[in-house]
Amino acid sequence: MFKDYPSPSSLAIAPNQKFLYAVNEITNFNGTKNGSVTAFAIQPNGDLKFLNVINSQGGGPAHLSVDPSGKWVFAANYGTGSVAVVPIKTDGSLGDATDVQNIPTSPLGPHQAVDGPPYSFADSGHDAAHAHMAQTDPAGNFLLLSDLGTDRIYIYKLDKTAGKLTPAAQPFVQANPGAGPRHFDFHPNGRWVYSLNEEASTLDYLTYDAASGALAIQQTLSTLPPGYEGTDYTSEIHVTADGRFVYAANRLHNSIALLAINPADGSVTWLKEFWTQGDYPRYFGIEPNGNFLYVCHSRSDNITTFGIDRGTGHLEFTGQFTGVFNPSKVVFVAL
């Protein structure tokens, strides 16, 4: 099975809950130097039925998402710095990409983040453009594409009929030099965005204009506890469904940071850290009811489970370790 669907680094569920999509983080699909995207139908008992696999039109895809209409998949090709728009057919299978946008190869940011923690030697990708995440706004009108190499989040207008991308009036927002934008999440109000910077271990709070797609950074702060010194790489970020808190994962420090969101202006305040009980948390997910959080550790090969105090946002380890080889993402589906 694993040889047929190699290295599924990111997963996404269709809005109708009937299909699952995975990017295969490879560079040798069918004799090319590209990766692939695989489609599955979700069976009533939760099993997966293979539908088809297509070329991601770029190397080493590391992230994918599905637009709110369930018509398009967006694959972020980390290795070649591009995003592919892939159509979803009526049976849930995938067609060939309708568009591919390549990130400019310059200007690249410095190898060391200017606002990273003291004595940090984090350097993971300022040699070239590296697309880390591609996802639309809640309305599905604009696509945001975070790029580690140029320290930018690119903004594209989505043609929902043709599956084509065109640069927005504001084509990108620039993070601090060397910061390395990785993953982001929208606040439930659709007007605030929170973006993690991998190499600086910082979080950017941005305002979002749904009419034009424009982004503006309002605040930047560390995801690490005060006084931390050394190397760290942030990985995943999630805003809670009630919009009160944001969680951010720190790799090497092996923690989940809890930050409070000011309901008046969207600004954030660092509150507390929680040990993830494992090594190198690449991803974490919150189940749909908002009561439990699951952390995927790529080096200790396990998933740890935490209860969430909905009032304070605090995490409490349940004592449950689930062994999984190099877990990279967890998604939830209603059966």
C-alpha atoms as a PDB file:
ATOM      1  CA  MET A   1       0.000   0.000   0.000  1.00  0.00           C
ATOM      2  CA  PHE A   2       2.688   2.480   1.005  1.00  0.00           C
ATOM      3  CA  LYS A   3       4.576   2.000  -2.275  1.00  0.00           C
ATOM      4  CA  ASP A   4       1.412   2.907  -4.176  1.00  0.00           C
ATOM      5  CA  TYR A   5       0.750   6.135  -2.219  1.00  0.00           C
ATOM      6  CA  PRO A   6       4.224   7.271  -1.150  1.00  0.00           C
ATOM      7  CA  SER A   7       4.977  10.038   1.351  1.00  0.00           C
ATOM      8  CA  PRO A   8       1.494  11.552   1.886  1.00  0.00           C
ATOM      9  CA  SER A   9       2.710  14.723   3.593  1.00  0.00           C
ATOM     10  CA  SER A  10      -0.590  16.642   3.710  1.00  0.00           C
ATOM     11  CA  LEU A  11      -4.277  15.668   3.693  1.00  0.00           C
ATOM     12  CA  ALA A  12      -7.546  17.503   3.040  1.00  0.00           C
ATOM     13  CA  ILE A  13     -11.198  16.491   3.257  1.00  0.00           C
ATOM     14  CA  ALA A  14     -13.735  17.706   0.686  1.00  0.00           C
ATOM     15  CA  PRO A  15     -16.513  19.931   2.094  1.00  0.00           C
ATOM     16  CA  ASN A  16     -19.091  17.193   1.415  1.00  0.00           C
ATOM     17  CA  GLN A  17     -17.031  14.814   3.619  1.00  0.00           C
ATOM     18  CA  LYS A  18     -17.047  12.171   0.865  1.00  0.00           C
ATOM     19  CA  PHE A  19     -13.500  12.450  -0.454  1.00  0.00           C
ATOM     20  CA  LEU A  20      -9.955  12.686   0.898  1.00  0.00           C
ATOM     21  CA  TYR A  21      -6.998  14.140  -0.987  1.00  0.00           C
ATOM     22  CA  ALA A  22      -3.285  13.730  -0.290  1.00  0.00           C
ATOM     23  CA  VAL A  23      -0.153  15.235  -1.775  1.00  0.00           C
ATOM     24  CA  ASN A  24       2.711  12.815  -2.233  1.00  0.00           C
ATOM     25  CA  GLU A  25       5.940  14.584  -1.314  1.00  0.00           C
ATOM     26  CA  ILE A  26       8.077  12.978  -4.005  1.00  0.00           C
ATOM     27  CA  THR A  27      10.121  14.134  -7.012  1.00  0.00           C
ATOM     28  CA  ASN A  28       9.817  11.136  -9.346  1.00  0.00           C
ATOM     29  CA  PHE A  29       6.175  10.781 -10.351  1.00  0.00           C
ATOM     30  CA  ASN A  30       5.885   8.759 -13.575  1.00  0.00           C
ATOM     31  CA  GLY A  31       9.409   9.563 -14.650  1.00  0.00           C
ATOM     32  CA  THR A  32       9.134  13.311 -14.021  1.00  0.00           C
ATOM     33  CA  LYS A  33      10.774  15.419 -11.308  1.00  0.00           C
ATOM     34  CA  ASN A  34       7.358  16.259  -9.878  1.00  0.00           C
ATOM     35  CA  GLY A  35       5.204  15.037  -7.036  1.00  0.00           C
ATOM     36  CA  SER A  36       1.610  13.859  -7.173  1.00  0.00           C
ATOM     37  CA  VAL A  37      -1.875  14.307  -5.721  1.00  0.00           C
ATOM     38  CA  THR A  38      -4.012  11.282  -4.841  1.00  0.00           C
ATOM     39  CA  ALA A  39      -7.810  11.109  -4.540  1.00  0.00           C
ATOM     40  CA  PHE A  40      -9.753   8.688  -2.349  1.00  0.00           C
ATOM     41  CA  ALA A  41     -13.445   8.102  -1.728  1.00  0.00           C
ATOM     42  CA  ILE A  42     -14.347   7.767   1.947  1.00  0.00           C
ATOM     43  CA  GLN A  43     -16.429   4.635   2.532  1.00  0.00           C
ATOM     44  CA  PRO A  44     -19.290   4.469   5.104  1.00  0.00           C
ATOM     45  CA  ASN A  45     -17.053   2.493   7.489  1.00  0.00           C
ATOM     46  CA  GLY A  46     -14.182   4.978   7.141  1.00  0.00           C
ATOM     47  CA  ASP A  47     -12.084   2.922   4.735  1.00  0.00           C
ATOM     48  CA  LEU A  48     -10.562   4.631   1.706  1.00  0.00           C
ATOM     49  CA  LYS A  49     -11.135   3.652  -1.925  1.00  0.00           C
ATOM     50  CA  PHE A  50      -8.453   4.776  -4.348  1.00  0.00           C
ATOM     51  CA  LEU A  51      -9.808   6.917  -7.185  1.00  0.00           C
ATOM     52  CA  ASN A  52      -6.816   8.244  -9.096  1.00  0.00           C
ATOM     53  CA  VAL A  53      -3.493  10.062  -8.881  1.00  0.00           C
ATOM     54  CA  ILE A  54      -2.293  13.027 -10.949  1.00  0.00           C
ATOM     55  CA  ASN A  55       0.873  15.067 -11.453  1.00  0.00           C
ATOM     56  CA  SER A  56       1.256  17.972  -8.982  1.00  0.00           C
ATOM     57  CA  GLN A  57       3.257  19.867 -11.645  1.00  0.00           C
ATOM     58  CA  GLY A  58       6.052  20.593  -9.198  1.00  0.00           C
ATOM     59  CA  GLY A  59       8.537  18.809  -6.967  1.00  0.00           C
ATOM     60  CA  GLY A  60       8.060  17.842  -3.331  1.00  0.00           C
ATOM     61  CA  PRO A  61       4.499  19.049  -2.665  1.00  0.00           C
ATOM     62  CA  ALA A  62       4.153  19.676   1.089  1.00  0.00           C
ATOM     63  CA  HIS A  63       0.613  21.028   1.490  1.00  0.00           C
ATOM     64  CA  LEU A  64      -2.792  20.920  -0.137  1.00  0.00           C
ATOM     65  CA  SER A  65      -6.258  22.297   0.524  1.00  0.00           C
ATOM     66  CA  VAL A  66      -9.741  22.176  -1.016  1.00  0.00           C
ATOM     67  CA  ASP A  67     -11.680  25.339  -1.836  1.00  0.00           C
ATOM     68  CA  PRO A  68     -15.007  25.960  -0.018  1.00  0.00           C
ATOM     69  CA  SER A  69     -17.033  24.966  -3.100  1.00  0.00           C
ATOM     70  CA  GLY A  70     -15.349  21.561  -3.316  1.00  0.00           C
ATOM     71  CA  LYS A  71     -14.367  22.146  -6.953  1.00  0.00           C
ATOM     72  CA  TRP A  72     -10.635  22.769  -6.687  1.00  0.00           C
ATOM     73  CA  VAL A  73      -7.578  21.353  -4.918  1.00  0.00           C
ATOM     74  CA  PHE A  74      -4.516  23.556  -4.424  1.00  0.00           C
ATOM     75  CA  ALA A  75      -1.143  21.820  -4.160  1.00  0.00           C
ATOM     76  CA  ALA A  76       1.817  23.785  -2.782  1.00  0.00           C
ATOM     77  CA  ASN A  77       4.998  22.405  -4.335  1.00  0.00           C
ATOM     78  CA  TYR A  78       7.712  23.096  -1.782  1.00  0.00           C
ATOM     79  CA  GLY A  79      10.619  21.784  -3.846  1.00  0.00           C
ATOM     80  CA  THR A  80      10.008  23.911  -6.937  1.00  0.00           C
ATOM     81  CA  GLY A  81       8.223  26.891  -5.370  1.00  0.00           C
ATOM     82  CA  SER A  82       4.895  26.714  -7.157  1.00  0.00           C
ATOM     83  CA  VAL A  83       1.178  26.128  -6.666  1.00  0.00           C
ATOM     84  CA  ALA A  84      -1.028  23.965  -8.890  1.00  0.00           C
ATOM     85  CA  VAL A  85      -4.800  24.328  -9.279  1.00  0.00           C
ATOM     86  CA  VAL A  86      -6.356  20.874  -9.704  1.00  0.00           C
ATOM     87  CA  PRO A  87     -10.017  20.335 -10.688  1.00  0.00           C
ATOM     88  CA  ILE A  88     -12.233  17.909  -8.762  1.00  0.00           C
ATOM     89  CA  LYS A  89     -14.537  15.856 -10.984  1.00  0.00           C
ATOM     90  CA  THR A  90     -18.125  14.985 -10.048  1.00  0.00           C
ATOM     91  CA  ASP A  91     -17.049  11.516  -8.881  1.00  0.00           C
ATOM     92  CA  GLY A  92     -14.373  13.006  -6.610  1.00  0.00           C
ATOM     93  CA  SER A  93     -11.437  12.053  -8.815  1.00  0.00           C
ATOM     94  CA  LEU A  94      -8.936  14.644 -10.020  1.00  0.00           C
ATOM     95  CA  GLY A  95      -8.302  16.146 -13.440  1.00  0.00           C
ATOM     96  CA  ASP A  96      -5.059  17.563 -14.746  1.00  0.00           C
ATOM     97  CA  ALA A  97      -3.981  20.937 -13.340  1.00  0.00           C
ATOM     98  CA  THR A  98      -5.726  23.932 -14.902  1.00  0.00           C
ATOM     99  CA  ASP A  99      -3.050  26.396 -13.762  1.00  0.00           C
ATOM    100  CA  VAL A 100       0.423  26.497 -12.224  1.00  0.00           C
ATOM    101  CA  GLN A 101       1.883  29.642 -10.708  1.00  0.00           C
ATOM    102  CA  ASN A 102       5.625  29.811 -10.063  1.00  0.00           C
ATOM    103  CA  ILE A 103       6.927  31.984  -7.238  1.00  0.00           C
ATOM    104  CA  PRO A 104       9.606  34.520  -8.262  1.00  0.00           C
ATOM    105  CA  THR A 105      13.076  33.218  -7.430  1.00  0.00           C
ATOM    106  CA  SER A 106      14.155  36.580  -6.031  1.00  0.00           C
ATOM    107  CA  PRO A 107      14.580  38.476  -3.857  1.00  0.00           C
ATOM    108  CA  LEU A 108      15.442  35.687  -1.437  1.00  0.00           C
ATOM    109  CA  GLY A 109      15.621  36.435   2.276  1.00  0.00           C
ATOM    110  CA  PRO A 110      18.753  35.994   4.412  1.00  0.00           C
ATOM    111  CA  HIS A 111      19.602  32.577   5.802  1.00  0.00           C
ATOM    112  CA  GLN A 112      19.330  33.878   9.367  1.00  0.00           C
ATOM    113  CA  ALA A 113      16.113  35.537  10.523  1.00  0.00           C
ATOM    114  CA  VAL A 114      16.649  39.079  11.757  1.00  0.00           C
ATOM    115  CA  ASP A 115      14.165  38.628  14.610  1.00  0.00           C
ATOM    116  CA  GLY A 116      14.782  34.985  15.579  1.00  0.00           C
ATOM    117  CA  PRO A 117      15.645  33.961  19.149  1.00  0.00           C
ATOM    118  CA  PRO A 118      19.206  34.614  20.368  1.00  0.00           C
ATOM    119  CA  TYR A 119      21.746  31.955  19.302  1.00  0.00           C
ATOM    120  CA  SER A 120      19.339  30.497  16.745  1.00  0.00           C
ATOM    121  CA  PHE A 121      20.875  28.702  13.794  1.00  0.00           C
ATOM    122  CA  ALA A 122      17.551  27.976  12.078  1.00  0.00           C
ATOM    123  CA  ASP A 123      18.147  27.810   8.323  1.00  0.00           C
ATOM    124  CA  SER A 124      15.690  25.676   6.389  1.00  0.00           C
ATOM    125  CA  GLY A 125      15.089  27.127   2.965  1.00  0.00           C
ATOM    126  CA  HIS A 126      16.362  30.524   1.871  1.00  0.00           C
ATOM    127  CA  ASP A 127      18.235  28.954  -1.034  1.00  0.00           C
ATOM    128  CA  ALA A 128      15.181  29.186  -3.336  1.00  0.00           C
ATOM    129  CA  ALA A 129      11.433  29.760  -3.378  1.00  0.00           C
ATOM    130  CA  HIS A 130       9.617  27.142  -1.279  1.00  0.00           C
ATOM    131  CA  ALA A 131       5.823  27.162  -1.327  1.00  0.00           C
ATOM    132  CA  HIS A 132       4.706  26.008   2.114  1.00  0.00           C
ATOM    133  CA  MET A 133       0.931  26.442   2.140  1.00  0.00           C
ATOM    134  CA  ALA A 134      -1.826  27.307  -0.337  1.00  0.00           C
ATOM    135  CA  GLN A 135      -5.374  28.003   0.827  1.00  0.00           C
ATOM    136  CA  THR A 136      -8.242  30.293  -0.108  1.00  0.00           C
ATOM    137  CA  ASP A 137      -9.945  32.846   2.066  1.00  0.00           C
ATOM    138  CA  PRO A 138     -13.233  31.678   3.662  1.00  0.00           C
ATOM    139  CA  ALA A 139     -15.242  32.916   0.664  1.00  0.00           C
ATOM    140  CA  GLY A 140     -13.004  31.142  -1.845  1.00  0.00           C
ATOM    141  CA  ASN A 141     -12.317  34.304  -3.841  1.00  0.00           C
ATOM    142  CA  PHE A 142      -8.579  34.678  -3.236  1.00  0.00           C
ATOM    143  CA  LEU A 143      -5.763  32.172  -2.768  1.00  0.00           C
ATOM    144  CA  LEU A 144      -2.991  32.870  -0.254  1.00  0.00           C
ATOM    145  CA  LEU A 145       0.365  31.186  -0.862  1.00  0.00           C
ATOM    146  CA  SER A 146       3.061  31.360   1.809  1.00  0.00           C
ATOM    147  CA  ASP A 147       6.665  31.145   0.629  1.00  0.00           C
ATOM    148  CA  LEU A 148       9.599  30.516   2.931  1.00  0.00           C
ATOM    149  CA  GLY A 149      12.326  31.569   0.486  1.00  0.00           C
ATOM    150  CA  THR A 150      11.165  35.099  -0.334  1.00  0.00           C
ATOM    151  CA  ASP A 151       9.550  35.689   3.093  1.00  0.00           C
ATOM    152  CA  ARG A 152       6.227  36.538   1.459  1.00  0.00           C
ATOM    153  CA  ILE A 153       2.589  35.521   1.379  1.00  0.00           C
ATOM    154  CA  TYR A 154       1.450  35.813  -2.243  1.00  0.00           C
ATOM    155  CA  ILE A 155      -2.156  36.752  -3.043  1.00  0.00           C
ATOM    156  CA  TYR A 156      -4.026  35.536  -6.143  1.00  0.00           C
ATOM    157  CA  LYS A 157      -7.519  36.142  -7.443  1.00  0.00           C
ATOM    158  CA  LEU A 158      -9.219  32.802  -8.185  1.00  0.00           C
ATOM    159  CA  ASP A 159     -11.353  32.338 -11.273  1.00  0.00           C
ATOM    160  CA  LYS A 160     -13.782  29.809  -9.820  1.00  0.00           C
ATOM    161  CA  THR A 161     -15.032  28.709 -13.236  1.00  0.00           C
ATOM    162  CA  ALA A 162     -11.777  28.263 -15.145  1.00  0.00           C
ATOM    163  CA  GLY A 163      -9.496  27.406 -12.232  1.00  0.00           C
ATOM    164  CA  LYS A 164      -7.041  30.161 -13.079  1.00  0.00           C
ATOM    165  CA  LEU A 165      -5.020  32.392 -10.746  1.00  0.00           C
ATOM    166  CA  THR A 166      -4.050  36.011 -11.365  1.00  0.00           C
ATOM    167  CA  PRO A 167      -2.032  38.218  -8.991  1.00  0.00           C
ATOM    168  CA  ALA A 168      -4.236  40.416  -6.836  1.00  0.00           C
ATOM    169  CA  ALA A 169      -3.951  44.207  -6.826  1.00  0.00           C
ATOM    170  CA  GLN A 170      -1.653  43.715  -3.838  1.00  0.00           C
ATOM    171  CA  PRO A 171       0.362  40.718  -5.095  1.00  0.00           C
ATOM    172  CA  PHE A 172       2.064  39.866  -1.787  1.00  0.00           C
ATOM    173  CA  VAL A 173       2.742  40.896   1.786  1.00  0.00           C
ATOM    174  CA  GLN A 174       6.349  40.931   3.000  1.00  0.00           C
ATOM    175  CA  ALA A 175       7.358  39.337   6.314  1.00  0.00           C
ATOM    176  CA  ASN A 176      10.547  40.255   8.156  1.00  0.00           C
ATOM    177  CA  PRO A 177      13.845  39.254   6.468  1.00  0.00           C
ATOM    178  CA  GLY A 178      14.625  35.566   6.949  1.00  0.00           C
ATOM    179  CA  ALA A 179      11.399  34.904   8.887  1.00  0.00           C
ATOM    180  CA  GLY A 180      10.222  32.093   6.597  1.00  0.00           C
ATOM    181  CA  PRO A 181       6.391  32.141   6.379  1.00  0.00           C
ATOM    182  CA  ARG A 182       5.050  28.608   6.765  1.00  0.00           C
ATOM    183  CA  HIS A 183       1.378  28.070   7.713  1.00  0.00           C
ATOM    184  CA  PHE A 184      -1.499  30.455   8.464  1.00  0.00           C
ATOM    185  CA  ASP A 185      -5.085  30.366   9.706  1.00  0.00           C
ATOM    186  CA  PHE A 186      -8.083  32.669   9.419  1.00  0.00           C
ATOM    187  CA  HIS A 187     -10.055  33.954  12.377  1.00  0.00           C
ATOM    188  CA  PRO A 188     -13.760  32.940  12.230  1.00  0.00           C
ATOM    189  CA  ASN A 189     -14.666  36.565  11.422  1.00  0.00           C
ATOM    190  CA  GLY A 190     -12.729  36.296   8.127  1.00  0.00           C
ATOM    191  CA  ARG A 191     -10.983  39.636   8.723  1.00  0.00           C
ATOM    192  CA  TRP A 192      -7.936  38.520  10.715  1.00  0.00           C
ATOM    193  CA  VAL A 193      -5.161  36.149   9.678  1.00  0.00           C
ATOM    194  CA  TYR A 194      -2.430  34.582  11.842  1.00  0.00           C
ATOM    195  CA  SER A 195       0.736  33.396  10.104  1.00  0.00           C
ATOM    196  CA  LEU A 196       3.655  31.380  11.505  1.00  0.00           C
ATOM    197  CA  ASN A 197       7.239  32.093  10.503  1.00  0.00           C
ATOM    198  CA  GLU A 198       9.320  28.913  10.559  1.00  0.00           C
ATOM    199  CA  GLU A 199      12.836  30.279  10.946  1.00  0.00           C
ATOM    200  CA  ALA A 200      12.141  33.270  13.194  1.00  0.00           C
ATOM    201  CA  SER A 201       9.720  31.338  15.449  1.00  0.00           C
ATOM    202  CA  THR A 202       7.345  34.278  15.280  1.00  0.00           C
ATOM    203  CA  LEU A 203       3.661  34.832  14.628  1.00  0.00           C
ATOM    204  CA  ASP A 204       2.377  37.623  12.394  1.00  0.00           C
ATOM    205  CA  TYR A 205      -1.102  39.009  12.956  1.00  0.00           C
ATOM    206  CA  LEU A 206      -2.514  40.460   9.727  1.00  0.00           C
ATOM    207  CA  THR A 207      -5.731  42.195   8.775  1.00  0.00           C
ATOM    208  CA  TYR A 208      -7.499  40.967   5.643  1.00  0.00           C
ATOM    209  CA  ASP A 209      -9.679  42.847   3.157  1.00  0.00           C
ATOM    210  CA  ALA A 210     -12.127  40.336   1.669  1.00  0.00           C
ATOM    211  CA  ALA A 211     -13.019  42.672  -1.210  1.00  0.00           C
ATOM    212  CA  SER A 212      -9.471  43.049  -2.571  1.00  0.00           C
ATOM    213  CA  GLY A 213      -7.542  40.224  -0.887  1.00  0.00           C
ATOM    214  CA  ALA A 214      -5.127  42.733   0.646  1.00  0.00           C
ATOM    215  CA  LEU A 215      -3.133  41.769   3.741  1.00  0.00           C
ATOM    216  CA  ALA A 216      -1.401  44.061   6.236  1.00  0.00           C
ATOM    217  CA  ILE A 217       0.841  42.962   9.108  1.00  0.00           C
ATOM    218  CA  GLN A 218      -0.256  44.568  12.370  1.00  0.00           C
ATOM    219  CA  GLN A 219       1.853  42.716  14.937  1.00  0.00           C
ATOM    220  CA  THR A 220       4.774  40.289  15.164  1.00  0.00           C
ATOM    221  CA  LEU A 221       5.673  38.376  18.333  1.00  0.00           C
ATOM    222  CA  SER A 222       7.608  35.285  19.360  1.00  0.00           C
ATOM    223  CA  THR A 223       5.909  31.917  19.835  1.00  0.00           C
ATOM    224  CA  LEU A 224       8.575  30.965  22.393  1.00  0.00           C
ATOM    225  CA  PRO A 225       8.610  31.706  26.126  1.00  0.00           C
ATOM    226  CA  PRO A 226      10.365  34.864  27.322  1.00  0.00           C
ATOM    227  CA  GLY A 227      14.126  34.425  27.600  1.00  0.00           C
ATOM    228  CA  TYR A 228      14.353  31.405  25.287  1.00  0.00           C
ATOM    229  CA  GLU A 229      17.718  31.065  23.542  1.00  0.00           C
ATOM    230  CA  GLY A 230      18.590  28.601  20.789  1.00  0.00           C
ATOM    231  CA  THR A 231      17.258  27.124  17.575  1.00  0.00           C
ATOM    232  CA  ASP A 232      13.588  26.384  16.952  1.00  0.00           C
ATOM    233  CA  TYR A 233      11.315  25.869  13.960  1.00  0.00           C
ATOM    234  CA  THR A 234       7.603  26.617  14.167  1.00  0.00           C
ATOM    235  CA  SER A 235       5.273  24.279  12.294  1.00  0.00           C
ATOM    236  CA  GLU A 236       1.491  24.479  12.670  1.00  0.00           C
ATOM    237  CA  ILE A 237      -1.071  27.084  13.725  1.00  0.00           C
ATOM    238  CA  HIS A 238      -4.797  26.925  14.512  1.00  0.00           C
ATOM    239  CA  VAL A 239      -7.337  29.478  15.671  1.00  0.00           C
ATOM    240  CA  THR A 240     -10.044  28.054  17.927  1.00  0.00           C
ATOM    241  CA  ALA A 241     -13.580  27.898  16.547  1.00  0.00           C
ATOM    242  CA  ASP A 242     -14.773  30.508  19.056  1.00  0.00           C
ATOM    243  CA  GLY A 243     -12.016  32.911  17.932  1.00  0.00           C
ATOM    244  CA  ARG A 244     -10.647  33.417  21.447  1.00  0.00           C
ATOM    245  CA  PHE A 245      -7.290  31.647  21.203  1.00  0.00           C
ATOM    246  CA  VAL A 246      -4.582  30.667  18.752  1.00  0.00           C
ATOM    247  CA  TYR A 247      -2.238  27.699  19.190  1.00  0.00           C
ATOM    248  CA  ALA A 248       1.219  27.482  17.578  1.00  0.00           C
ATOM    249  CA  ALA A 249       3.616  24.523  17.527  1.00  0.00           C
ATOM    250  CA  ASN A 250       7.359  24.836  18.143  1.00  0.00           C
ATOM    251  CA  ARG A 251       9.718  22.127  16.887  1.00  0.00           C
ATOM    252  CA  LEU A 252      12.939  21.478  18.883  1.00  0.00           C
ATOM    253  CA  HIS A 253      11.392  23.385  21.778  1.00  0.00           C
ATOM    254  CA  ASN A 254       8.652  20.723  21.474  1.00  0.00           C
ATOM    255  CA  SER A 255       5.803  22.850  22.714  1.00  0.00           C
ATOM    256  CA  ILE A 256       2.408  24.248  21.844  1.00  0.00           C
ATOM    257  CA  ALA A 257       2.170  27.975  22.546  1.00  0.00           C
ATOM    258  CA  LEU A 258      -1.173  29.380  23.674  1.00  0.00           C
ATOM    259  CA  LEU A 259      -1.955  32.960  22.698  1.00  0.00           C
ATOM    260  CA  ALA A 260      -5.069  34.999  23.492  1.00  0.00           C
ATOM    261  CA  ILE A 261      -6.824  37.014  20.791  1.00  0.00           C
ATOM    262  CA  ASN A 262      -8.116  40.476  21.688  1.00  0.00           C
ATOM    263  CA  PRO A 263     -11.741  40.486  20.452  1.00  0.00           C
ATOM    264  CA  ALA A 264     -11.620  44.251  19.895  1.00  0.00           C
ATOM    265  CA  ASP A 265      -8.726  44.472  17.436  1.00  0.00           C
ATOM    266  CA  GLY A 266      -7.404  40.933  16.762  1.00  0.00           C
ATOM    267  CA  SER A 267      -4.038  41.465  18.440  1.00  0.00           C
ATOM    268  CA  VAL A 268      -2.511  38.546  20.334  1.00  0.00           C
ATOM    269  CA  THR A 269      -0.841  38.024  23.696  1.00  0.00           C
ATOM    270  CA  TRP A 270       1.420  35.066  24.520  1.00  0.00           C
ATOM    271  CA  LEU A 271       0.006  33.257  27.575  1.00  0.00           C
ATOM    272  CA  LYS A 272       1.605  29.874  28.171  1.00  0.00           C
ATOM    273  CA  GLU A 273       3.456  26.901  26.689  1.00  0.00           C
ATOM    274  CA  PHE A 274       2.635  23.197  26.908  1.00  0.00           C
ATOM    275  CA  TRP A 275       5.121  20.358  26.411  1.00  0.00           C
ATOM    276  CA  THR A 276       3.927  18.132  23.566  1.00  0.00           C
ATOM    277  CA  GLN A 277       5.246  14.950  25.218  1.00  0.00           C
ATOM    278  CA  GLY A 278       7.146  14.001  22.049  1.00  0.00           C
ATOM    279  CA  ASP A 279       9.878  15.048  19.650  1.00  0.00           C
ATOM    280  CA  TYR A 280       9.466  17.489  16.739  1.00  0.00           C
ATOM    281  CA  PRO A 281       5.749  18.342  16.505  1.00  0.00           C
ATOM    282  CA  ARG A 282       5.224  18.779  12.771  1.00  0.00           C
ATOM    283  CA  TYR A 283       1.460  19.189  12.989  1.00  0.00           C
ATOM    284  CA  PHE A 284      -1.437  19.278  15.414  1.00  0.00           C
ATOM    285  CA  GLY A 285      -5.175  19.140  14.835  1.00  0.00           C
ATOM    286  CA  ILE A 286      -8.242  20.010  16.898  1.00  0.00           C
ATOM    287  CA  GLU A 287     -11.234  17.682  16.576  1.00  0.00           C
ATOM    288  CA  PRO A 288     -14.517  19.264  15.390  1.00  0.00           C
ATOM    289  CA  ASN A 289     -16.085  19.533  18.856  1.00  0.00           C
ATOM    290  CA  GLY A 290     -13.075  21.501  20.116  1.00  0.00           C
ATOM    291  CA  ASN A 291     -12.460  19.285  23.146  1.00  0.00           C
ATOM    292  CA  PHE A 292      -9.252  17.468  22.150  1.00  0.00           C
ATOM    293  CA  LEU A 293      -6.001  18.368  20.407  1.00  0.00           C
ATOM    294  CA  TYR A 294      -3.740  15.794  18.702  1.00  0.00           C
ATOM    295  CA  VAL A 295      -0.014  16.395  18.116  1.00  0.00           C
ATOM    296  CA  CYS A 296       1.909  14.574  15.358  1.00  0.00           C
ATOM    297  CA  HIS A 297       5.611  14.037  16.207  1.00  0.00           C
ATOM    298  CA  SER A 298       7.773  13.241  13.191  1.00  0.00           C
ATOM    299  CA  ARG A 299      10.842  12.165  15.176  1.00  0.00           C
ATOM    300  CA  SER A 300       9.358  10.232  18.100  1.00  0.00           C
ATOM    301  CA  ASP A 301       6.850   8.523  15.761  1.00  0.00           C
ATOM    302  CA  ASN A 302       3.732   9.090  17.818  1.00  0.00           C
ATOM    303  CA  ILE A 303       0.605  11.168  18.257  1.00  0.00           C
ATOM    304  CA  THR A 304      -0.130  12.568  21.717  1.00  0.00           C
ATOM    305  CA  THR A 305      -3.604  13.551  22.896  1.00  0.00           C
ATOM    306  CA  PHE A 306      -4.516  16.610  24.970  1.00  0.00           C
ATOM    307  CA  GLY A 307      -7.790  17.740  26.487  1.00  0.00           C
ATOM    308  CA  ILE A 308      -8.693  21.387  25.901  1.00  0.00           C
ATOM    309  CA  ASP A 309     -10.099  23.613  28.644  1.00  0.00           C
ATOM    310  CA  ARG A 310     -12.523  25.640  26.550  1.00  0.00           C
ATOM    311  CA  GLY A 311     -12.586  28.457  29.113  1.00  0.00           C
ATOM    312  CA  THR A 312      -8.859  29.052  29.519  1.00  0.00           C
ATOM    313  CA  GLY A 313      -7.483  27.398  26.377  1.00  0.00           C
ATOM    314  CA  HIS A 314      -5.125  25.323  28.552  1.00  0.00           C
ATOM    315  CA  LEU A 315      -4.061  21.862  27.404  1.00  0.00           C
ATOM    316  CA  GLU A 316      -3.927  18.778  29.642  1.00  0.00           C
ATOM    317  CA  PHE A 317      -2.133  15.632  28.492  1.00  0.00           C
ATOM    318  CA  THR A 318      -4.450  12.611  28.634  1.00  0.00           C
ATOM    319  CA  GLY A 319      -1.591  10.132  28.937  1.00  0.00           C
ATOM    320  CA  GLN A 320      -2.355   8.667  25.519  1.00  0.00           C
ATOM    321  CA  PHE A 321       0.490   7.960  23.086  1.00  0.00           C
ATOM    322  CA  THR A 322      -0.455   6.509  19.702  1.00  0.00           C
ATOM    323  CA  GLY A 323       2.438   5.056  17.746  1.00  0.00           C
ATOM    324  CA  VAL A 324       2.484   6.133  14.094  1.00  0.00           C
ATOM    325  CA  PHE A 325       5.544   6.138  11.838  1.00  0.00           C
ATOM    326  CA  ASN A 326       6.507   9.735  11.033  1.00  0.00           C
ATOM    327  CA  PRO A 327       2.992  11.250  11.308  1.00  0.00           C
ATOM    328  CA  SER A 328       2.598  14.508   9.401  1.00  0.00           C
ATOM    329  CA  LYS A 329      -1.107  15.384   9.574  1.00  0.00           C
ATOM    330  CA  VAL A 330      -4.419  14.328  11.095  1.00  0.00           C
ATOM    331  CA  VAL A 331      -7.841  15.218   9.660  1.00  0.00           C
ATOM    332  CA  PHE A 332     -11.354  14.447  10.832  1.00  0.00           C
ATOM    333  CA  VAL A 333     -14.397  13.247   8.934  1.00  0.00           C
ATOM    334  CA  ALA A 334     -18.020  12.766  10.008  1.00  0.00           C
ATOM    335  CA  LEU A 335     -19.303   9.287   9.127  1.00  0.00           C
END
